[in-house]
Amino acid sequence: MTVVIRDAEPRDEAGWRGLWQQYLDFYEVALAPEVTAATWARLVDPASPVKARLAFDGGRMVGFAIHLHHPSTWVIGEDCYLEDLFLAPEARGKKIGKRLIDDLIALARAKGWQRLYWHTDEENAVARRLYDRFVPADGHVRYRMKL
C-alpha cells in the first residue's frame, strides 16, 4: 500500500466530489449544489484558510481531511480545526485516517499553529476509537444555531 497525502489541487475536483457525496450520505445530509461548489472553490483558493489534505492509496483518492486555521483567544497564535474527516469504505481499517490526522499534526506544527481540535457525533463509535488514540475527549458540548 502506497499512501500519499497532499493538498487538494484543481485537478482533484471530481474525485473529491465523489468522496464528499459519500460523506454527506453517511451523515444523511443534502446540501445545495452551490454549497458544494463554494466549498470546493475555498479548498483550492490560495487566499482561503479552508483547505483539504487528500489521501491517495495506489493513486486513487480515498479520503480527505478538511481543516481551517484561525486566531484564538486562548493561545498566542492560531488553532487548527479539523472540520471534516472522511475515508471511502474500502480504505477503512488501513490506518489511513490515522495517517491523515498525523499529517495534519505535522502540518500544524510546521505552520506554528498552537492546537488542533475537532468534534464528531457522539454515536460515531468508529471515529471515536480513532480519535481517542490521539487525545481523550475534552467534555465540551457543541451548540450550533442556524442564522
N, C-alpha and C. Protein backbone atom coordinates (compact mmCIF):
# COMPACT_ATOMS: atom_id res chain seq x y z
N MET A 1 0.85 -1.18 0.00
CA MET A 1 0.00 0.00 0.00
C MET A 1 0.89 1.24 0.00
N THR A 2 0.74 2.05 -1.02
CA THR A 2 1.45 3.31 -1.10
C THR A 2 0.44 4.43 -0.87
N VAL A 3 0.49 5.02 0.32
CA VAL A 3 -0.42 6.11 0.65
C VAL A 3 0.32 7.42 0.51
N VAL A 4 -0.27 8.33 -0.24
CA VAL A 4 0.28 9.67 -0.43
C VAL A 4 -0.77 10.65 0.09
N ILE A 5 -0.32 11.62 0.87
CA ILE A 5 -1.21 12.67 1.38
C ILE A 5 -0.67 14.00 0.91
N ARG A 6 -1.56 14.80 0.33
CA ARG A 6 -1.14 16.10 -0.18
C ARG A 6 -2.32 17.06 -0.20
N ASP A 7 -2.01 18.34 -0.46
CA ASP A 7 -3.06 19.35 -0.57
C ASP A 7 -3.93 19.08 -1.79
N ALA A 8 -5.19 19.49 -1.70
CA ALA A 8 -6.11 19.42 -2.84
C ALA A 8 -5.62 20.35 -3.94
N GLU A 9 -5.78 19.91 -5.16
CA GLU A 9 -5.43 20.70 -6.35
C GLU A 9 -6.64 20.73 -7.26
N PRO A 10 -6.72 21.73 -8.15
CA PRO A 10 -7.89 21.82 -9.03
C PRO A 10 -8.20 20.53 -9.79
N ARG A 11 -7.21 19.77 -10.17
CA ARG A 11 -7.44 18.51 -10.91
C ARG A 11 -8.12 17.43 -10.07
N ASP A 12 -8.24 17.64 -8.76
CA ASP A 12 -8.83 16.64 -7.86
C ASP A 12 -10.34 16.79 -7.67
N GLU A 13 -10.94 17.76 -8.34
CA GLU A 13 -12.34 18.09 -8.06
C GLU A 13 -13.28 16.89 -8.20
N ALA A 14 -13.21 16.17 -9.28
CA ALA A 14 -14.15 15.06 -9.49
C ALA A 14 -14.01 13.99 -8.40
N GLY A 15 -12.79 13.62 -8.08
CA GLY A 15 -12.58 12.63 -7.03
C GLY A 15 -13.07 13.11 -5.68
N TRP A 16 -12.78 14.39 -5.37
CA TRP A 16 -13.23 14.95 -4.10
C TRP A 16 -14.75 14.98 -4.04
N ARG A 17 -15.39 15.39 -5.14
CA ARG A 17 -16.86 15.45 -5.14
C ARG A 17 -17.47 14.07 -4.87
N GLY A 18 -16.87 13.03 -5.41
CA GLY A 18 -17.37 11.68 -5.15
C GLY A 18 -17.27 11.31 -3.68
N LEU A 19 -16.13 11.60 -3.08
CA LEU A 19 -15.97 11.33 -1.64
C LEU A 19 -16.87 12.22 -0.80
N TRP A 20 -16.98 13.49 -1.20
CA TRP A 20 -17.83 14.44 -0.46
C TRP A 20 -19.27 13.95 -0.43
N GLN A 21 -19.75 13.44 -1.56
CA GLN A 21 -21.12 12.95 -1.60
C GLN A 21 -21.29 11.74 -0.68
N GLN A 22 -20.30 10.86 -0.65
CA GLN A 22 -20.36 9.72 0.27
C GLN A 22 -20.39 10.20 1.72
N TYR A 23 -19.62 11.23 2.02
CA TYR A 23 -19.59 11.82 3.36
C TYR A 23 -20.96 12.38 3.73
N LEU A 24 -21.56 13.14 2.82
CA LEU A 24 -22.89 13.69 3.07
C LEU A 24 -23.91 12.57 3.24
N ASP A 25 -23.82 11.54 2.42
CA ASP A 25 -24.73 10.40 2.53
C ASP A 25 -24.59 9.72 3.90
N PHE A 26 -23.35 9.58 4.36
CA PHE A 26 -23.11 8.96 5.67
C PHE A 26 -23.84 9.72 6.77
N TYR A 27 -23.80 11.04 6.70
CA TYR A 27 -24.47 11.86 7.71
C TYR A 27 -25.92 12.19 7.36
N GLU A 28 -26.40 11.62 6.26
CA GLU A 28 -27.78 11.82 5.81
C GLU A 28 -28.10 13.31 5.67
N VAL A 29 -27.19 14.01 4.97
CA VAL A 29 -27.31 15.45 4.76
C VAL A 29 -27.37 15.71 3.25
N ALA A 30 -28.26 16.60 2.88
CA ALA A 30 -28.34 17.05 1.48
C ALA A 30 -27.96 18.52 1.46
N LEU A 31 -26.96 18.86 0.66
CA LEU A 31 -26.56 20.25 0.50
C LEU A 31 -26.92 20.73 -0.90
N ALA A 32 -27.23 21.99 -0.99
CA ALA A 32 -27.48 22.58 -2.31
C ALA A 32 -26.19 22.50 -3.13
N PRO A 33 -26.29 22.27 -4.43
CA PRO A 33 -25.09 22.17 -5.26
C PRO A 33 -24.17 23.39 -5.15
N GLU A 34 -24.75 24.56 -4.94
CA GLU A 34 -23.91 25.75 -4.83
C GLU A 34 -23.07 25.75 -3.55
N VAL A 35 -23.52 25.06 -2.50
CA VAL A 35 -22.71 24.96 -1.28
C VAL A 35 -21.50 24.08 -1.54
N THR A 36 -21.72 22.95 -2.20
CA THR A 36 -20.60 22.08 -2.54
C THR A 36 -19.63 22.80 -3.47
N ALA A 37 -20.14 23.52 -4.45
CA ALA A 37 -19.27 24.27 -5.36
C ALA A 37 -18.46 25.31 -4.61
N ALA A 38 -19.09 26.01 -3.69
CA ALA A 38 -18.38 27.04 -2.91
C ALA A 38 -17.33 26.39 -2.00
N THR A 39 -17.66 25.25 -1.43
CA THR A 39 -16.70 24.54 -0.59
C THR A 39 -15.47 24.16 -1.41
N TRP A 40 -15.69 23.58 -2.59
CA TRP A 40 -14.55 23.20 -3.42
C TRP A 40 -13.73 24.44 -3.78
N ALA A 41 -14.38 25.52 -4.15
CA ALA A 41 -13.67 26.75 -4.52
C ALA A 41 -12.79 27.22 -3.37
N ARG A 42 -13.29 27.15 -2.16
CA ARG A 42 -12.48 27.54 -0.99
C ARG A 42 -11.27 26.64 -0.81
N LEU A 43 -11.48 25.35 -1.02
CA LEU A 43 -10.40 24.38 -0.79
C LEU A 43 -9.20 24.62 -1.69
N VAL A 44 -9.43 25.15 -2.87
CA VAL A 44 -8.32 25.36 -3.82
C VAL A 44 -7.95 26.83 -3.98
N ASP A 45 -8.58 27.71 -3.22
CA ASP A 45 -8.26 29.14 -3.27
C ASP A 45 -7.08 29.41 -2.35
N PRO A 46 -5.95 29.86 -2.89
CA PRO A 46 -4.78 30.10 -2.04
C PRO A 46 -5.03 31.11 -0.92
N ALA A 47 -5.98 32.01 -1.08
CA ALA A 47 -6.27 33.01 -0.05
C ALA A 47 -7.20 32.50 1.04
N SER A 48 -7.82 31.36 0.86
CA SER A 48 -8.77 30.83 1.82
C SER A 48 -8.06 30.07 2.94
N PRO A 49 -8.49 30.22 4.19
CA PRO A 49 -7.92 29.41 5.27
C PRO A 49 -8.49 27.99 5.28
N VAL A 50 -9.53 27.72 4.51
CA VAL A 50 -10.12 26.38 4.45
C VAL A 50 -9.37 25.57 3.40
N LYS A 51 -8.83 24.45 3.83
CA LYS A 51 -8.00 23.61 2.96
C LYS A 51 -8.37 22.15 3.14
N ALA A 52 -7.92 21.33 2.20
CA ALA A 52 -8.11 19.89 2.30
C ALA A 52 -6.80 19.18 2.05
N ARG A 53 -6.53 18.20 2.89
CA ARG A 53 -5.46 17.25 2.65
C ARG A 53 -6.16 16.02 2.11
N LEU A 54 -5.66 15.49 1.02
CA LEU A 54 -6.26 14.34 0.36
C LEU A 54 -5.35 13.13 0.51
N ALA A 55 -5.96 11.98 0.75
CA ALA A 55 -5.22 10.72 0.85
C ALA A 55 -5.46 9.90 -0.40
N PHE A 56 -4.37 9.40 -0.96
CA PHE A 56 -4.41 8.55 -2.15
C PHE A 56 -3.77 7.22 -1.80
N ASP A 57 -4.44 6.13 -2.16
CA ASP A 57 -3.93 4.79 -1.94
C ASP A 57 -3.73 4.17 -3.32
N GLY A 58 -2.48 3.95 -3.69
CA GLY A 58 -2.20 3.42 -5.02
C GLY A 58 -2.66 4.35 -6.12
N GLY A 59 -2.64 5.63 -5.88
CA GLY A 59 -3.04 6.62 -6.88
C GLY A 59 -4.52 6.97 -6.87
N ARG A 60 -5.33 6.26 -6.11
CA ARG A 60 -6.77 6.51 -6.06
C ARG A 60 -7.11 7.32 -4.81
N MET A 61 -7.86 8.42 -4.97
CA MET A 61 -8.26 9.24 -3.83
C MET A 61 -9.22 8.45 -2.95
N VAL A 62 -8.86 8.33 -1.65
CA VAL A 62 -9.66 7.52 -0.74
C VAL A 62 -10.08 8.26 0.53
N GLY A 63 -9.62 9.50 0.71
CA GLY A 63 -10.00 10.20 1.92
C GLY A 63 -9.61 11.65 1.89
N PHE A 64 -10.19 12.39 2.84
CA PHE A 64 -9.85 13.80 2.97
C PHE A 64 -9.92 14.25 4.43
N ALA A 65 -9.15 15.29 4.70
CA ALA A 65 -9.19 15.99 5.98
C ALA A 65 -9.32 17.47 5.65
N ILE A 66 -10.53 18.00 5.84
CA ILE A 66 -10.78 19.42 5.58
C ILE A 66 -10.56 20.17 6.88
N HIS A 67 -9.76 21.21 6.80
CA HIS A 67 -9.36 21.92 8.01
C HIS A 67 -9.26 23.41 7.73
N LEU A 68 -9.23 24.17 8.80
CA LEU A 68 -9.01 25.61 8.67
C LEU A 68 -8.26 26.09 9.91
N HIS A 69 -7.53 27.16 9.73
CA HIS A 69 -6.82 27.74 10.86
C HIS A 69 -7.42 29.09 11.16
N HIS A 70 -7.33 29.48 12.44
CA HIS A 70 -7.94 30.73 12.86
C HIS A 70 -7.27 31.23 14.13
N PRO A 71 -7.34 32.56 14.36
CA PRO A 71 -6.81 33.09 15.61
C PRO A 71 -7.60 32.54 16.79
N SER A 72 -6.96 32.56 17.94
CA SER A 72 -7.59 32.04 19.15
C SER A 72 -7.46 33.06 20.28
N THR A 73 -8.42 33.06 21.17
CA THR A 73 -8.32 33.88 22.38
C THR A 73 -7.65 33.12 23.52
N TRP A 74 -7.34 31.84 23.30
CA TRP A 74 -6.80 31.01 24.37
C TRP A 74 -5.30 30.77 24.25
N VAL A 75 -4.72 31.10 23.12
CA VAL A 75 -3.28 30.93 22.91
C VAL A 75 -2.79 32.11 22.08
N ILE A 76 -1.49 32.34 22.13
CA ILE A 76 -0.89 33.32 21.22
C ILE A 76 -0.62 32.55 19.94
N GLY A 77 -1.26 32.94 18.90
CA GLY A 77 -1.12 32.22 17.64
C GLY A 77 -2.47 31.74 17.16
N GLU A 78 -2.43 30.69 16.37
CA GLU A 78 -3.65 30.19 15.75
C GLU A 78 -3.90 28.73 16.10
N ASP A 79 -5.15 28.36 16.02
CA ASP A 79 -5.59 26.98 16.18
C ASP A 79 -5.91 26.41 14.81
N CYS A 80 -5.93 25.09 14.73
CA CYS A 80 -6.35 24.39 13.52
C CYS A 80 -7.57 23.55 13.87
N TYR A 81 -8.63 23.75 13.12
CA TYR A 81 -9.87 22.99 13.32
C TYR A 81 -10.01 21.98 12.20
N LEU A 82 -10.07 20.72 12.55
CA LEU A 82 -10.34 19.64 11.60
C LEU A 82 -11.85 19.54 11.48
N GLU A 83 -12.39 20.09 10.40
CA GLU A 83 -13.85 20.16 10.27
C GLU A 83 -14.46 18.87 9.73
N ASP A 84 -13.82 18.28 8.74
CA ASP A 84 -14.39 17.08 8.11
C ASP A 84 -13.27 16.08 7.84
N LEU A 85 -13.46 14.86 8.29
CA LEU A 85 -12.53 13.76 8.01
C LEU A 85 -13.37 12.62 7.46
N PHE A 86 -12.96 12.09 6.31
CA PHE A 86 -13.73 11.01 5.70
C PHE A 86 -12.81 10.08 4.95
N LEU A 87 -13.14 8.79 5.03
CA LEU A 87 -12.47 7.75 4.25
C LEU A 87 -13.51 6.95 3.50
N ALA A 88 -13.19 6.63 2.26
CA ALA A 88 -14.05 5.73 1.49
C ALA A 88 -14.11 4.40 2.24
N PRO A 89 -15.26 3.72 2.19
CA PRO A 89 -15.39 2.46 2.94
C PRO A 89 -14.26 1.46 2.69
N GLU A 90 -13.81 1.35 1.46
CA GLU A 90 -12.75 0.38 1.15
C GLU A 90 -11.39 0.78 1.73
N ALA A 91 -11.26 2.00 2.19
CA ALA A 91 -9.99 2.48 2.76
C ALA A 91 -9.95 2.35 4.28
N ARG A 92 -11.06 2.03 4.88
CA ARG A 92 -11.13 1.95 6.34
C ARG A 92 -10.41 0.71 6.84
N GLY A 93 -9.85 0.82 8.03
CA GLY A 93 -9.12 -0.29 8.62
C GLY A 93 -7.69 -0.40 8.13
N LYS A 94 -7.23 0.56 7.36
CA LYS A 94 -5.86 0.55 6.82
C LYS A 94 -4.98 1.62 7.46
N LYS A 95 -5.48 2.25 8.51
CA LYS A 95 -4.77 3.31 9.24
C LYS A 95 -4.58 4.58 8.41
N ILE A 96 -5.39 4.75 7.38
CA ILE A 96 -5.30 5.96 6.56
C ILE A 96 -5.88 7.15 7.32
N GLY A 97 -6.93 6.94 8.11
CA GLY A 97 -7.47 8.01 8.93
C GLY A 97 -6.42 8.50 9.92
N LYS A 98 -5.70 7.59 10.54
CA LYS A 98 -4.61 7.96 11.44
C LYS A 98 -3.55 8.74 10.69
N ARG A 99 -3.22 8.30 9.50
CA ARG A 99 -2.21 8.99 8.71
C ARG A 99 -2.66 10.41 8.36
N LEU A 100 -3.94 10.59 8.06
CA LEU A 100 -4.44 11.93 7.76
C LEU A 100 -4.31 12.85 8.98
N ILE A 101 -4.64 12.34 10.16
CA ILE A 101 -4.51 13.15 11.36
C ILE A 101 -3.04 13.42 11.67
N ASP A 102 -2.20 12.39 11.57
CA ASP A 102 -0.76 12.60 11.79
C ASP A 102 -0.21 13.65 10.82
N ASP A 103 -0.66 13.60 9.58
CA ASP A 103 -0.23 14.56 8.57
C ASP A 103 -0.67 15.98 8.97
N LEU A 104 -1.88 16.10 9.46
CA LEU A 104 -2.38 17.41 9.85
C LEU A 104 -1.65 17.92 11.09
N ILE A 105 -1.30 17.04 12.00
CA ILE A 105 -0.50 17.44 13.17
C ILE A 105 0.85 17.99 12.70
N ALA A 106 1.50 17.28 11.79
CA ALA A 106 2.80 17.73 11.28
C ALA A 106 2.67 19.07 10.56
N LEU A 107 1.62 19.23 9.76
CA LEU A 107 1.40 20.48 9.04
C LEU A 107 1.18 21.63 10.03
N ALA A 108 0.34 21.39 11.04
CA ALA A 108 0.04 22.43 12.02
C ALA A 108 1.31 22.84 12.78
N ARG A 109 2.11 21.87 13.15
CA ARG A 109 3.37 22.19 13.84
C ARG A 109 4.30 22.99 12.94
N ALA A 110 4.38 22.60 11.68
CA ALA A 110 5.25 23.30 10.73
C ALA A 110 4.80 24.75 10.53
N LYS A 111 3.51 24.99 10.61
CA LYS A 111 2.97 26.33 10.42
C LYS A 111 2.94 27.14 11.71
N GLY A 112 3.29 26.51 12.81
CA GLY A 112 3.31 27.22 14.10
C GLY A 112 1.95 27.36 14.75
N TRP A 113 0.97 26.59 14.29
CA TRP A 113 -0.33 26.63 14.93
C TRP A 113 -0.22 25.98 16.30
N GLN A 114 -1.00 26.45 17.24
CA GLN A 114 -0.84 26.05 18.63
C GLN A 114 -1.61 24.80 19.03
N ARG A 115 -2.79 24.61 18.46
CA ARG A 115 -3.62 23.46 18.86
C ARG A 115 -4.38 22.94 17.64
N LEU A 116 -4.71 21.67 17.71
CA LEU A 116 -5.57 21.02 16.72
C LEU A 116 -6.78 20.49 17.48
N TYR A 117 -7.96 20.76 16.94
CA TYR A 117 -9.17 20.25 17.60
C TYR A 117 -10.19 19.82 16.56
N TRP A 118 -11.14 19.01 16.99
CA TRP A 118 -12.20 18.51 16.12
C TRP A 118 -13.34 18.01 17.01
N HIS A 119 -14.42 17.66 16.39
CA HIS A 119 -15.53 17.01 17.10
C HIS A 119 -16.15 15.97 16.16
N THR A 120 -16.94 15.11 16.74
CA THR A 120 -17.64 14.10 15.95
C THR A 120 -18.97 13.80 16.63
N ASP A 121 -19.82 13.11 15.93
CA ASP A 121 -21.08 12.70 16.52
C ASP A 121 -20.81 11.76 17.69
N GLU A 122 -21.55 11.96 18.75
CA GLU A 122 -21.41 11.13 19.94
C GLU A 122 -21.57 9.64 19.62
N GLU A 123 -22.43 9.34 18.66
CA GLU A 123 -22.74 7.95 18.29
C GLU A 123 -21.72 7.33 17.33
N ASN A 124 -20.78 8.10 16.82
CA ASN A 124 -19.83 7.60 15.82
C ASN A 124 -18.69 6.87 16.52
N ALA A 125 -18.98 5.63 16.93
CA ALA A 125 -18.03 4.85 17.73
C ALA A 125 -16.74 4.56 16.98
N VAL A 126 -16.83 4.32 15.68
CA VAL A 126 -15.63 4.00 14.89
C VAL A 126 -14.68 5.20 14.89
N ALA A 127 -15.20 6.37 14.59
CA ALA A 127 -14.36 7.58 14.59
C ALA A 127 -13.83 7.85 15.99
N ARG A 128 -14.65 7.69 16.99
CA ARG A 128 -14.22 7.99 18.36
C ARG A 128 -13.09 7.06 18.81
N ARG A 129 -13.09 5.81 18.35
CA ARG A 129 -11.98 4.91 18.69
C ARG A 129 -10.67 5.46 18.11
N LEU A 130 -10.73 5.95 16.88
CA LEU A 130 -9.54 6.55 16.28
C LEU A 130 -9.12 7.79 17.06
N TYR A 131 -10.05 8.69 17.29
CA TYR A 131 -9.74 9.96 17.95
C TYR A 131 -9.21 9.76 19.36
N ASP A 132 -9.76 8.78 20.07
CA ASP A 132 -9.33 8.51 21.45
C ASP A 132 -7.87 8.05 21.50
N ARG A 133 -7.33 7.56 20.39
CA ARG A 133 -5.92 7.17 20.35
C ARG A 133 -5.01 8.39 20.37
N PHE A 134 -5.53 9.52 19.94
CA PHE A 134 -4.74 10.75 19.92
C PHE A 134 -4.85 11.54 21.21
N VAL A 135 -6.07 11.69 21.70
CA VAL A 135 -6.32 12.52 22.88
C VAL A 135 -7.72 12.20 23.40
N PRO A 136 -7.93 12.24 24.72
CA PRO A 136 -9.30 11.99 25.21
C PRO A 136 -10.21 13.17 24.88
N ALA A 137 -11.49 12.88 24.76
CA ALA A 137 -12.49 13.94 24.55
C ALA A 137 -12.40 14.93 25.70
N ASP A 138 -12.60 16.21 25.39
CA ASP A 138 -12.42 17.24 26.41
C ASP A 138 -13.69 17.62 27.16
N GLY A 139 -14.78 16.94 26.88
CA GLY A 139 -16.01 17.16 27.63
C GLY A 139 -16.87 18.31 27.14
N HIS A 140 -16.45 19.00 26.10
CA HIS A 140 -17.26 20.10 25.58
C HIS A 140 -18.43 19.59 24.77
N VAL A 141 -19.49 20.31 24.80
CA VAL A 141 -20.69 20.02 24.03
C VAL A 141 -20.86 21.14 23.02
N ARG A 142 -21.15 20.81 21.80
CA ARG A 142 -21.29 21.81 20.76
C ARG A 142 -22.73 22.31 20.68
N TYR A 143 -22.88 23.60 20.46
CA TYR A 143 -24.18 24.22 20.19
C TYR A 143 -24.05 24.92 18.85
N ARG A 144 -25.04 24.75 17.99
CA ARG A 144 -24.98 25.39 16.67
C ARG A 144 -26.34 25.94 16.35
N MET A 145 -26.35 27.20 15.98
CA MET A 145 -27.59 27.88 15.64
C MET A 145 -27.53 28.33 14.19
N LYS A 146 -28.54 27.98 13.42
CA LYS A 146 -28.63 28.47 12.06
C LYS A 146 -29.11 29.91 12.08
N LEU A 147 -28.50 30.73 11.28
CA LEU A 147 -28.87 32.14 11.23
C LEU A 147 -29.38 32.52 9.84
